[in-house]
Amino acid sequence: MKCYVCGHEHSAQECPLCAFPAIEIIGGPSSAAQRQLEILAQAHREEYLASVALSVEVYYWKDQDGVLVEKSRQRLEMAQGSELVKGEKWLGQSFARIPEEANLQVGLIVRRNDQETLRRVQLPNLSQPELQQLGVRLDDGLQVRLLLRNSKQQSASEPISLT
């Protein structure tokens, strides 16, 4: 059965990823039953998203004898999960472009309740030599995509599960 909330295929009594119950309707779903199921799934999705926060790792560099070395690392909060239902969320800070990289590896921290997971995400780099912004967008189910933009172009990562 496919979970109505996150889209995960499973055969358990509830989804092992998002804990939404597996609901089967005898005789097939009527339009009224389907609407009620969608309302329940939406409420569960919103509750799940309210317990999620997203952050990214940002690195600062310094010149040390002609070589760039890491100066410090900081975690920047990108969005609360409940904010994502309103659309894309962008960090207010701009970042320098790394010109020789085709893809950027971004550390995305997904925090749900008291648990954190660090996910390494590949994000297509932009070709223009401009400052860039990092954003996030809610995708189907309980997935997000990291976004990168400048004044001329935008790219997106593959979907990243929040479960």
C-alpha atoms as a PDB file:
ATOM      1  CA  MET A   1       0.000   0.000   0.000  1.00  0.00           C
ATOM      2  CA  LYS A   2       1.207   3.525  -0.747  1.00  0.00           C
ATOM      3  CA  CYS A   3       1.169   5.932   2.184  1.00  0.00           C
ATOM      4  CA  TYR A   4      -1.214   8.847   1.638  1.00  0.00           C
ATOM      5  CA  VAL A   5       1.134  11.233   3.470  1.00  0.00           C
ATOM      6  CA  CYS A   6       4.696  10.478   2.336  1.00  0.00           C
ATOM      7  CA  GLY A   7       4.168   8.143  -0.635  1.00  0.00           C
ATOM      8  CA  HIS A   8       6.236   5.278   0.827  1.00  0.00           C
ATOM      9  CA  GLU A   9       5.190   1.785  -0.336  1.00  0.00           C
ATOM     10  CA  HIS A  10       4.695  -0.544   2.640  1.00  0.00           C
ATOM     11  CA  SER A  11       2.582  -3.423   3.922  1.00  0.00           C
ATOM     12  CA  ALA A  12       2.466  -2.552   7.638  1.00  0.00           C
ATOM     13  CA  GLN A  13      -0.472  -1.312   9.739  1.00  0.00           C
ATOM     14  CA  GLU A  14       1.098   2.129   9.687  1.00  0.00           C
ATOM     15  CA  CYS A  15       3.763   3.734   7.539  1.00  0.00           C
ATOM     16  CA  PRO A  16       7.197   2.944   8.991  1.00  0.00           C
ATOM     17  CA  LEU A  17       8.468   6.377   7.887  1.00  0.00           C
ATOM     18  CA  CYS A  18       5.770   8.862   8.904  1.00  0.00           C
ATOM     19  CA  ALA A  19       3.463   6.720  11.125  1.00  0.00           C
ATOM     20  CA  PHE A  20       0.280   7.436   9.160  1.00  0.00           C
ATOM     21  CA  PRO A  21      -2.102   4.470   9.536  1.00  0.00           C
ATOM     22  CA  ALA A  22      -2.715   2.179   6.571  1.00  0.00           C
ATOM     23  CA  ILE A  23      -6.378   2.780   5.813  1.00  0.00           C
ATOM     24  CA  GLU A  24      -8.322   0.539   3.495  1.00  0.00           C
ATOM     25  CA  ILE A  25     -11.893   1.268   2.537  1.00  0.00           C
ATOM     26  CA  ILE A  26     -14.180  -1.724   2.015  1.00  0.00           C
ATOM     27  CA  GLY A  27     -15.730  -1.697  -1.437  1.00  0.00           C
ATOM     28  CA  GLY A  28     -13.236   0.862  -2.730  1.00  0.00           C
ATOM     29  CA  PRO A  29     -13.023   4.548  -1.923  1.00  0.00           C
ATOM     30  CA  SER A  30     -16.090   6.649  -2.582  1.00  0.00           C
ATOM     31  CA  SER A  31     -15.572  10.323  -3.315  1.00  0.00           C
ATOM     32  CA  ALA A  32     -16.737  11.262   0.209  1.00  0.00           C
ATOM     33  CA  ALA A  33     -14.444   8.669   1.819  1.00  0.00           C
ATOM     34  CA  GLN A  34     -11.556   9.789  -0.407  1.00  0.00           C
ATOM     35  CA  ARG A  35     -12.069  13.436   0.617  1.00  0.00           C
ATOM     36  CA  GLN A  36     -12.110  12.467   4.300  1.00  0.00           C
ATOM     37  CA  LEU A  37      -8.928  10.422   3.841  1.00  0.00           C
ATOM     38  CA  GLU A  38      -7.223  13.386   2.120  1.00  0.00           C
ATOM     39  CA  ILE A  39      -8.235  15.667   5.017  1.00  0.00           C
ATOM     40  CA  LEU A  40      -6.741  13.198   7.532  1.00  0.00           C
ATOM     41  CA  ALA A  41      -3.557  12.830   5.460  1.00  0.00           C
ATOM     42  CA  GLN A  42      -3.165  16.611   5.129  1.00  0.00           C
ATOM     43  CA  ALA A  43      -3.591  17.103   8.891  1.00  0.00           C
ATOM     44  CA  HIS A  44      -0.977  14.393   9.575  1.00  0.00           C
ATOM     45  CA  ARG A  45       1.412  15.929   7.001  1.00  0.00           C
ATOM     46  CA  GLU A  46       1.070  19.373   8.624  1.00  0.00           C
ATOM     47  CA  GLU A  47       1.635  17.895  12.093  1.00  0.00           C
ATOM     48  CA  TYR A  48       4.725  16.048  10.840  1.00  0.00           C
ATOM     49  CA  LEU A  49       6.103  19.176   9.141  1.00  0.00           C
ATOM     50  CA  ALA A  50       5.543  21.215  12.325  1.00  0.00           C
ATOM     51  CA  SER A  51       8.029  18.914  14.084  1.00  0.00           C
ATOM     52  CA  VAL A  52      10.756  19.417  11.444  1.00  0.00           C
ATOM     53  CA  ALA A  53      13.458  22.099  11.170  1.00  0.00           C
ATOM     54  CA  LEU A  54      16.040  22.397   8.384  1.00  0.00           C
ATOM     55  CA  SER A  55      19.532  23.881   8.661  1.00  0.00           C
ATOM     56  CA  VAL A  56      22.616  23.935   6.443  1.00  0.00           C
ATOM     57  CA  GLU A  57      26.318  23.843   7.204  1.00  0.00           C
ATOM     58  CA  VAL A  58      28.190  26.928   6.023  1.00  0.00           C
ATOM     59  CA  TYR A  59      31.977  27.036   5.794  1.00  0.00           C
ATOM     60  CA  TYR A  60      34.171  30.109   6.089  1.00  0.00           C
ATOM     61  CA  TRP A  61      37.657  30.095   4.554  1.00  0.00           C
ATOM     62  CA  LYS A  62      40.888  32.001   5.067  1.00  0.00           C
ATOM     63  CA  ASP A  63      44.131  32.358   3.183  1.00  0.00           C
ATOM     64  CA  GLN A  64      46.986  30.640   4.931  1.00  0.00           C
ATOM     65  CA  ASP A  65      50.291  31.025   3.100  1.00  0.00           C
ATOM     66  CA  GLY A  66      48.563  31.160  -0.298  1.00  0.00           C
ATOM     67  CA  VAL A  67      46.271  28.191   0.393  1.00  0.00           C
ATOM     68  CA  LEU A  68      42.596  28.374   1.340  1.00  0.00           C
ATOM     69  CA  VAL A  69      41.914  26.556   4.595  1.00  0.00           C
ATOM     70  CA  GLU A  70      38.738  26.245   6.648  1.00  0.00           C
ATOM     71  CA  LYS A  71      38.449  29.088   9.141  1.00  0.00           C
ATOM     72  CA  SER A  72      35.179  28.086  10.774  1.00  0.00           C
ATOM     73  CA  ARG A  73      31.915  26.263  10.283  1.00  0.00           C
ATOM     74  CA  GLN A  74      28.461  27.513  11.151  1.00  0.00           C
ATOM     75  CA  ARG A  75      24.960  26.106  11.065  1.00  0.00           C
ATOM     76  CA  LEU A  76      22.308  28.374   9.532  1.00  0.00           C
ATOM     77  CA  GLU A  77      18.625  27.662  10.058  1.00  0.00           C
ATOM     78  CA  MET A  78      16.811  27.537   6.725  1.00  0.00           C
ATOM     79  CA  ALA A  79      13.208  26.840   7.633  1.00  0.00           C
ATOM     80  CA  GLN A  80      10.727  25.283   9.966  1.00  0.00           C
ATOM     81  CA  GLY A  81       8.822  22.523   8.179  1.00  0.00           C
ATOM     82  CA  SER A  82       5.506  24.321   8.650  1.00  0.00           C
ATOM     83  CA  GLU A  83       6.882  27.331   6.706  1.00  0.00           C
ATOM     84  CA  LEU A  84       7.430  25.196   3.622  1.00  0.00           C
ATOM     85  CA  VAL A  85       3.716  24.826   2.872  1.00  0.00           C
ATOM     86  CA  LYS A  86       3.723  28.562   2.045  1.00  0.00           C
ATOM     87  CA  GLY A  87       6.268  28.127  -0.775  1.00  0.00           C
ATOM     88  CA  GLU A  88      10.005  28.432  -1.257  1.00  0.00           C
ATOM     89  CA  LYS A  89      12.111  29.668   1.655  1.00  0.00           C
ATOM     90  CA  TRP A  90      15.424  31.437   0.928  1.00  0.00           C
ATOM     91  CA  LEU A  91      18.324  32.273   3.217  1.00  0.00           C
ATOM     92  CA  GLY A  92      18.856  36.023   3.430  1.00  0.00           C
ATOM     93  CA  GLN A  93      22.612  35.581   3.040  1.00  0.00           C
ATOM     94  CA  SER A  94      24.451  35.418  -0.313  1.00  0.00           C
ATOM     95  CA  PHE A  95      27.362  33.090  -0.965  1.00  0.00           C
ATOM     96  CA  ALA A  96      30.371  33.231  -3.267  1.00  0.00           C
ATOM     97  CA  ARG A  97      30.325  30.876  -6.235  1.00  0.00           C
ATOM     98  CA  ILE A  98      32.875  28.052  -6.373  1.00  0.00           C
ATOM     99  CA  PRO A  99      33.791  28.265 -10.065  1.00  0.00           C
ATOM    100  CA  GLU A 100      35.537  24.940 -10.685  1.00  0.00           C
ATOM    101  CA  GLU A 101      32.780  22.738  -9.242  1.00  0.00           C
ATOM    102  CA  ALA A 102      29.983  21.323 -11.442  1.00  0.00           C
ATOM    103  CA  ASN A 103      28.059  20.191  -8.350  1.00  0.00           C
ATOM    104  CA  LEU A 104      28.112  21.551  -4.836  1.00  0.00           C
ATOM    105  CA  GLN A 105      27.891  19.272  -1.836  1.00  0.00           C
ATOM    106  CA  VAL A 106      25.665  20.838   0.804  1.00  0.00           C
ATOM    107  CA  GLY A 107      25.232  19.525   4.333  1.00  0.00           C
ATOM    108  CA  LEU A 108      21.499  19.573   5.119  1.00  0.00           C
ATOM    109  CA  ILE A 109      20.572  18.964   8.744  1.00  0.00           C
ATOM    110  CA  VAL A 110      17.056  17.617   9.243  1.00  0.00           C
ATOM    111  CA  ARG A 111      15.935  17.925  12.853  1.00  0.00           C
ATOM    112  CA  ARG A 112      12.735  16.251  13.964  1.00  0.00           C
ATOM    113  CA  ASN A 113      11.868  16.490  17.633  1.00  0.00           C
ATOM    114  CA  ASP A 114      15.184  15.648  19.339  1.00  0.00           C
ATOM    115  CA  GLN A 115      16.801  13.716  16.492  1.00  0.00           C
ATOM    116  CA  GLU A 116      19.110  15.181  13.852  1.00  0.00           C
ATOM    117  CA  THR A 117      20.233  13.681  10.580  1.00  0.00           C
ATOM    118  CA  LEU A 118      22.961  15.138   8.376  1.00  0.00           C
ATOM    119  CA  ARG A 119      22.337  14.547   4.691  1.00  0.00           C
ATOM    120  CA  ARG A 120      24.950  15.314   2.044  1.00  0.00           C
ATOM    121  CA  VAL A 121      23.085  16.746  -0.934  1.00  0.00           C
ATOM    122  CA  GLN A 122      24.440  17.283  -4.460  1.00  0.00           C
ATOM    123  CA  LEU A 123      23.265  20.590  -5.916  1.00  0.00           C
ATOM    124  CA  PRO A 124      24.059  21.613  -9.528  1.00  0.00           C
ATOM    125  CA  ASN A 125      26.310  24.685  -9.533  1.00  0.00           C
ATOM    126  CA  LEU A 126      25.376  27.756 -11.558  1.00  0.00           C
ATOM    127  CA  SER A 127      27.594  28.952 -14.399  1.00  0.00           C
ATOM    128  CA  GLN A 128      27.451  32.733 -13.894  1.00  0.00           C
ATOM    129  CA  PRO A 129      30.189  34.352 -11.764  1.00  0.00           C
ATOM    130  CA  GLU A 130      27.707  35.956  -9.353  1.00  0.00           C
ATOM    131  CA  LEU A 131      26.758  35.695  -5.725  1.00  0.00           C
ATOM    132  CA  GLN A 132      24.276  32.899  -5.032  1.00  0.00           C
ATOM    133  CA  GLN A 133      21.441  32.232  -2.618  1.00  0.00           C
ATOM    134  CA  LEU A 134      20.406  28.927  -1.100  1.00  0.00           C
ATOM    135  CA  GLY A 135      16.762  27.974  -0.642  1.00  0.00           C
ATOM    136  CA  VAL A 136      14.450  25.053   0.014  1.00  0.00           C
ATOM    137  CA  ARG A 137      11.094  23.961  -1.421  1.00  0.00           C
ATOM    138  CA  LEU A 138       8.584  21.352  -0.269  1.00  0.00           C
ATOM    139  CA  ASP A 139       8.130  18.602  -2.845  1.00  0.00           C
ATOM    140  CA  ASP A 140       5.633  15.729  -3.124  1.00  0.00           C
ATOM    141  CA  GLY A 141       4.967  13.720   0.010  1.00  0.00           C
ATOM    142  CA  LEU A 142       7.380  14.602   2.779  1.00  0.00           C
ATOM    143  CA  GLN A 143      10.290  15.563   0.546  1.00  0.00           C
ATOM    144  CA  VAL A 144      12.169  18.791  -0.088  1.00  0.00           C
ATOM    145  CA  ARG A 145      14.585  20.078  -2.722  1.00  0.00           C
ATOM    146  CA  LEU A 146      17.484  22.403  -2.052  1.00  0.00           C
ATOM    147  CA  LEU A 147      17.587  25.353  -4.459  1.00  0.00           C
ATOM    148  CA  LEU A 148      20.429  27.541  -5.686  1.00  0.00           C
ATOM    149  CA  ARG A 149      19.843  30.823  -7.527  1.00  0.00           C
ATOM    150  CA  ASN A 150      21.462  33.982  -8.774  1.00  0.00           C
ATOM    151  CA  SER A 151      19.952  36.825 -10.821  1.00  0.00           C
ATOM    152  CA  LYS A 152      19.930  34.759 -14.053  1.00  0.00           C
ATOM    153  CA  GLN A 153      19.592  31.077 -13.206  1.00  0.00           C
ATOM    154  CA  GLN A 154      18.295  28.552 -10.679  1.00  0.00           C
ATOM    155  CA  SER A 155      19.034  24.881 -10.003  1.00  0.00           C
ATOM    156  CA  ALA A 156      17.499  22.247  -7.726  1.00  0.00           C
ATOM    157  CA  SER A 157      18.696  19.079  -6.035  1.00  0.00           C
ATOM    158  CA  GLU A 158      17.046  15.699  -6.281  1.00  0.00           C
ATOM    159  CA  PRO A 159      14.219  15.154  -3.752  1.00  0.00           C
ATOM    160  CA  ILE A 160      15.345  14.673  -0.140  1.00  0.00           C
ATOM    161  CA  SER A 161      13.102  12.732   2.234  1.00  0.00           C
ATOM    162  CA  LEU A 162      12.241  14.358   5.558  1.00  0.00           C
ATOM    163  CA  THR A 163      11.345  10.970   7.068  1.00  0.00           C
END
